[in-house]
C-alpha atoms as a PDB file:
ATOM      1  CA  MET A   1     102.894  62.043 175.777  1.00  0.00           C
ATOM      2  CA  PRO A   2      99.545  62.001 174.369  1.00  0.00           C
ATOM      3  CA  VAL A   3      97.712  65.100 174.099  1.00  0.00           C
ATOM      4  CA  ALA A   4      94.600  66.302 173.544  1.00  0.00           C
ATOM      5  CA  LYS A   5      93.687  67.915 170.108  1.00  0.00           C
ATOM      6  CA  ALA A   6      91.423  70.697 169.859  1.00  0.00           C
ATOM      7  CA  THR A   7      88.964  69.998 166.821  1.00  0.00           C
ATOM      8  CA  SER A   8      87.985  72.764 164.623  1.00  0.00           C
ATOM      9  CA  GLY A   9      84.202  74.367 164.256  1.00  0.00           C
ATOM     10  CA  SER A  10      82.825  75.447 167.492  1.00  0.00           C
ATOM     11  CA  ASP A  11      83.273  76.056 170.632  1.00  0.00           C
ATOM     12  CA  ASN A  12      80.529  73.767 172.290  1.00  0.00           C
ATOM     13  CA  ARG A  13      81.342  70.464 170.689  1.00  0.00           C
ATOM     14  CA  ALA A  14      78.685  68.852 172.536  1.00  0.00           C
ATOM     15  CA  MET A  15      75.756  71.078 170.799  1.00  0.00           C
ATOM     16  CA  LEU A  16      74.131  70.000 167.633  1.00  0.00           C
ATOM     17  CA  LYS A  17      75.650  71.806 164.735  1.00  0.00           C
ATOM     18  CA  ASP A  18      72.287  72.879 163.547  1.00  0.00           C
ATOM     19  CA  SER A  19      69.852  74.955 165.570  1.00  0.00           C
ATOM     20  CA  LEU A  20      66.356  73.358 166.657  1.00  0.00           C
ATOM     21  CA  ARG A  21      65.382  76.267 164.964  1.00  0.00           C
ATOM     22  CA  GLU A  22      67.139  75.390 161.416  1.00  0.00           C
ATOM     23  CA  ASP A  23      65.733  71.628 162.038  1.00  0.00           C
ATOM     24  CA  ALA A  24      62.420  72.150 162.825  1.00  0.00           C
ATOM     25  CA  ALA A  25      62.609  74.315 159.682  1.00  0.00           C
ATOM     26  CA  SER A  26      64.127  72.085 157.377  1.00  0.00           C
ATOM     27  CA  SER A  27      61.617  69.237 158.766  1.00  0.00           C
ATOM     28  CA  GLY A  28      58.581  71.922 158.374  1.00  0.00           C
ATOM     29  CA  THR A  29      57.709  71.750 161.720  1.00  0.00           C
ATOM     30  CA  VAL A  30      58.201  74.257 164.881  1.00  0.00           C
ATOM     31  CA  ARG A  31      59.152  72.966 167.720  1.00  0.00           C
ATOM     32  CA  SER A  32      59.821  76.438 169.661  1.00  0.00           C
ATOM     33  CA  ARG A  33      59.884  80.178 169.336  1.00  0.00           C
ATOM     34  CA  ASP A  34      62.362  82.739 170.529  1.00  0.00           C
ATOM     35  CA  PRO A  35      60.795  83.977 173.368  1.00  0.00           C
ATOM     36  CA  PHE A  36      62.628  86.953 173.562  1.00  0.00           C
ATOM     37  CA  SER A  37      61.580  87.840 170.144  1.00  0.00           C
ATOM     38  CA  PRO A  38      60.720  91.306 168.229  1.00  0.00           C
ATOM     39  CA  GLY A  39      56.884  91.745 170.033  1.00  0.00           C
ATOM     40  CA  SER A  40      57.280  90.002 173.205  1.00  0.00           C
ATOM     41  CA  MET A  41      56.291  91.632 176.319  1.00  0.00           C
ATOM     42  CA  VAL A  42      58.818  92.329 178.590  1.00  0.00           C
ATOM     43  CA  ILE A  43      59.814  93.554 182.323  1.00  0.00           C
ATOM     44  CA  VAL A  44      63.931  94.781 182.367  1.00  0.00           C
ATOM     45  CA  THR A  45      65.879  95.516 185.384  1.00  0.00           C
ATOM     46  CA  LEU A  46      68.149  97.573 184.768  1.00  0.00           C
ATOM     47  CA  CYS A  47      71.846  98.346 187.350  1.00  0.00           C
ATOM     48  CA  ASN A  48      73.506 101.753 187.246  1.00  0.00           C
ATOM     49  CA  PRO A  49      71.342 103.685 188.370  1.00  0.00           C
ATOM     50  CA  ARG A  50      68.647 100.316 189.357  1.00  0.00           C
ATOM     51  CA  GLU A  51      65.159 100.880 187.499  1.00  0.00           C
ATOM     52  CA  LYS A  52      62.695  98.823 185.928  1.00  0.00           C
ATOM     53  CA  PHE A  53      61.620  98.825 182.390  1.00  0.00           C
ATOM     54  CA  TRP A  54      57.683  97.547 180.868  1.00  0.00           C
ATOM     55  CA  GLY A  55      57.117  97.590 177.519  1.00  0.00           C
ATOM     56  CA  MET A  56      57.560  95.511 174.354  1.00  0.00           C
ATOM     57  CA  ILE A  57      60.624  94.569 172.587  1.00  0.00           C
ATOM     58  CA  LEU A  58      61.837  96.267 169.320  1.00  0.00           C
ATOM     59  CA  ALA A  59      65.138  94.507 168.651  1.00  0.00           C
ATOM     60  CA  LEU A  60      67.627  92.114 170.938  1.00  0.00           C
ATOM     61  CA  ALA A  61      71.225  92.046 170.087  1.00  0.00           C
ATOM     62  CA  GLN A  62      74.393  91.532 171.845  1.00  0.00           C
ATOM     63  CA  GLU A  63      74.988  95.097 171.747  1.00  0.00           C
ATOM     64  CA  GLY A  64      71.688  95.630 173.719  1.00  0.00           C
ATOM     65  CA  LEU A  65      67.579  95.945 173.815  1.00  0.00           C
ATOM     66  CA  GLY A  66      65.735  98.279 171.824  1.00  0.00           C
ATOM     67  CA  MET A  67      61.903  98.471 173.163  1.00  0.00           C
ATOM     68  CA  SER A  68      58.881 100.412 173.315  1.00  0.00           C
ATOM     69  CA  GLY A  69      57.611 100.890 177.032  1.00  0.00           C
ATOM     70  CA  ILE A  70      57.580 102.926 180.383  1.00  0.00           C
ATOM     71  CA  GLU A  71      59.273 103.102 183.548  1.00  0.00           C
ATOM     72  CA  LEU A  72      57.389 100.371 185.898  1.00  0.00           C
ATOM     73  CA  ALA A  73      56.945 102.866 188.846  1.00  0.00           C
ATOM     74  CA  SER A  74      54.884 104.861 186.319  1.00  0.00           C
ATOM     75  CA  PHE A  75      52.522 101.867 184.960  1.00  0.00           C
ATOM     76  CA  GLU A  76      48.961 102.356 187.633  1.00  0.00           C
ATOM     77  CA  ASP A  77      49.410 106.079 186.021  1.00  0.00           C
ATOM     78  CA  LEU A  78      49.813 105.321 182.418  1.00  0.00           C
ATOM     79  CA  ALA A  79      46.737 102.868 182.607  1.00  0.00           C
ATOM     80  CA  VAL A  80      44.708 105.634 184.236  1.00  0.00           C
ATOM     81  CA  MET A  81      46.112 108.285 181.273  1.00  0.00           C
ATOM     82  CA  VAL A  82      45.073 106.204 178.812  1.00  0.00           C
ATOM     83  CA  LYS A  83      41.567 105.110 180.250  1.00  0.00           C
ATOM     84  CA  GLU A  84      40.707 108.732 180.568  1.00  0.00           C
ATOM     85  CA  GLY A  85      41.458 109.363 176.526  1.00  0.00           C
ATOM     86  CA  GLU A  86      44.837 111.332 177.360  1.00  0.00           C
ATOM     87  CA  PRO A  87      47.339 111.393 175.057  1.00  0.00           C
ATOM     88  CA  PHE A  88      50.466 108.941 175.390  1.00  0.00           C
ATOM     89  CA  SER A  89      53.800 108.734 174.038  1.00  0.00           C
ATOM     90  CA  PRO A  90      55.577 105.254 174.707  1.00  0.00           C
ATOM     91  CA  ALA A  91      59.467 105.886 175.495  1.00  0.00           C
ATOM     92  CA  VAL A  92      61.332 104.107 172.698  1.00  0.00           C
ATOM     93  CA  VAL A  93      65.009 103.433 174.143  1.00  0.00           C
ATOM     94  CA  PHE A  94      68.084 101.716 173.577  1.00  0.00           C
ATOM     95  CA  PHE A  95      69.773  99.840 176.396  1.00  0.00           C
ATOM     96  CA  PRO A  96      72.934  98.718 176.467  1.00  0.00           C
ATOM     97  CA  MET A  97      73.809  95.333 177.261  1.00  0.00           C
ATOM     98  CA  HIS A  98      76.491  95.987 180.460  1.00  0.00           C
ATOM     99  CA  ARG A  99      73.337  97.880 181.973  1.00  0.00           C
ATOM    100  CA  ILE A 100      71.122  95.083 181.618  1.00  0.00           C
ATOM    101  CA  GLU A 101      70.683  92.811 184.422  1.00  0.00           C
ATOM    102  CA  ARG A 102      67.685  90.376 183.726  1.00  0.00           C
ATOM    103  CA  ILE A 103      64.816  90.480 181.069  1.00  0.00           C
ATOM    104  CA  GLU A 104      61.655  88.410 182.444  1.00  0.00           C
ATOM    105  CA  LEU A 105      58.411  87.850 180.155  1.00  0.00           C
ATOM    106  CA  ASP A 106      55.795  89.616 181.019  1.00  0.00           C
ATOM    107  CA  LEU A 107      53.616  86.376 182.163  1.00  0.00           C
ATOM    108  CA  PRO A 108      50.884  85.288 184.750  1.00  0.00           C
ATOM    109  CA  ASP A 109      52.057  83.993 188.058  1.00  0.00           C
ATOM    110  CA  GLY A 110      49.744  81.335 189.428  1.00  0.00           C
ATOM    111  CA  ASN A 111      46.608  83.379 190.145  1.00  0.00           C
ATOM    112  CA  LEU A 112      48.749  87.033 189.511  1.00  0.00           C
ATOM    113  CA  PRO A 113      47.654  88.173 186.116  1.00  0.00           C
ATOM    114  CA  SER A 114      50.851  89.802 184.098  1.00  0.00           C
ATOM    115  CA  LEU A 115      51.094  93.334 183.651  1.00  0.00           C
ATOM    116  CA  SER A 116      50.092  93.519 180.141  1.00  0.00           C
ATOM    117  CA  GLN A 117      46.648  91.096 181.416  1.00  0.00           C
ATOM    118  CA  ARG A 118      46.308  93.905 184.124  1.00  0.00           C
ATOM    119  CA  PHE A 119      46.870  97.047 181.598  1.00  0.00           C
ATOM    120  CA  SER A 120      44.012  95.340 179.311  1.00  0.00           C
ATOM    121  CA  ALA A 121      41.849  94.816 182.133  1.00  0.00           C
ATOM    122  CA  LYS A 122      42.157  98.358 183.044  1.00  0.00           C
ATOM    123  CA  THR A 123      41.962 100.350 179.975  1.00  0.00           C
ATOM    124  CA  GLY A 124      40.464  97.490 177.269  1.00  0.00           C
ATOM    125  CA  LEU A 125      42.994  98.111 174.836  1.00  0.00           C
ATOM    126  CA  GLU A 126      46.094  95.324 174.065  1.00  0.00           C
ATOM    127  CA  PRO A 127      49.706  96.924 175.245  1.00  0.00           C
ATOM    128  CA  SER A 128      51.211  95.293 172.376  1.00  0.00           C
ATOM    129  CA  ALA A 129      49.119  97.085 169.936  1.00  0.00           C
ATOM    130  CA  LEU A 130      49.531 100.577 172.019  1.00  0.00           C
ATOM    131  CA  LEU A 131      53.015 100.257 171.868  1.00  0.00           C
ATOM    132  CA  SER A 132      53.742  99.286 168.840  1.00  0.00           C
ATOM    133  CA  SER A 133      51.308 101.673 166.886  1.00  0.00           C
ATOM    134  CA  PRO A 134      52.216 104.378 164.469  1.00  0.00           C
ATOM    135  CA  MET A 135      52.621 107.737 166.739  1.00  0.00           C
ATOM    136  CA  ALA A 136      50.614 110.707 165.203  1.00  0.00           C
ATOM    137  CA  ASN A 137      52.336 114.082 166.162  1.00  0.00           C
ATOM    138  CA  GLY A 138      54.546 112.213 168.772  1.00  0.00           C
ATOM    139  CA  ALA A 139      51.333 110.957 170.964  1.00  0.00           C
ATOM    140  CA  PHE A 140      49.678 108.036 171.017  1.00  0.00           C
ATOM    141  CA  ARG A 141      45.557 109.183 171.854  1.00  0.00           C
ATOM    142  CA  PRO A 142      43.566 106.068 172.497  1.00  0.00           C
ATOM    143  CA  SER A 143      40.403 106.252 170.758  1.00  0.00           C
ATOM    144  CA  ALA A 144      37.790 106.408 173.520  1.00  0.00           C
ATOM    145  CA  PRO A 145      34.045 106.428 173.037  1.00  0.00           C
ATOM    146  CA  ARG A 146      32.540 109.889 171.755  1.00  0.00           C
ATOM    147  CA  PRO A 147      29.558 111.098 174.179  1.00  0.00           C
ATOM    148  CA  ALA A 148      26.596 111.053 172.857  1.00  0.00           C
ATOM    149  CA  ASN A 149      24.856 114.271 171.350  1.00  0.00           C
ATOM    150  CA  GLN A 150      22.829 116.281 173.852  1.00  0.00           C
ATOM    151  CA  PRO A 151      19.310 117.279 172.417  1.00  0.00           C
ATOM    152  CA  GLY A 152      19.512 120.633 170.410  1.00  0.00           C
ATOM    153  CA  GLU A 153      23.539 120.106 169.636  1.00  0.00           C
ATOM    154  CA  GLU A 154      24.838 119.232 165.948  1.00  0.00           C
ATOM    155  CA  PRO A 155      26.664 116.083 165.619  1.00  0.00           C
ATOM    156  CA  ALA A 156      30.097 116.449 165.753  1.00  0.00           C
END
């Protein structure tokens, strides 16, 4: 009686042995970039408890996701704080994979701008630069334009 014989090597024998990234590197062309690489702006939906988080990926591994960002419910408040020049400290967090329900890129949807585009329009700052910047004294203070000196005042 014939028996199917398993081949050694990989779980998915239908896939190419080398990844597209390796093939692209050897040919000198880049076919695609990992969309969920460090620096990508994402919206993460978490479970137990259910939360949404917006921010920048710091690291993504099979253990979980490290990111710098804020709870999505605080988005509008953050934009106002940054626009007014108030200090801001992004949360640098790690979410274990069992809590992650969904990760989606922060991209525009038709005529609707992405959260990153909305943040830039409201504050004049790029969110990726804000979320990745080194923080002095644990807080980021956006550089706001300095007010002009009033007549008779000493320059600051």
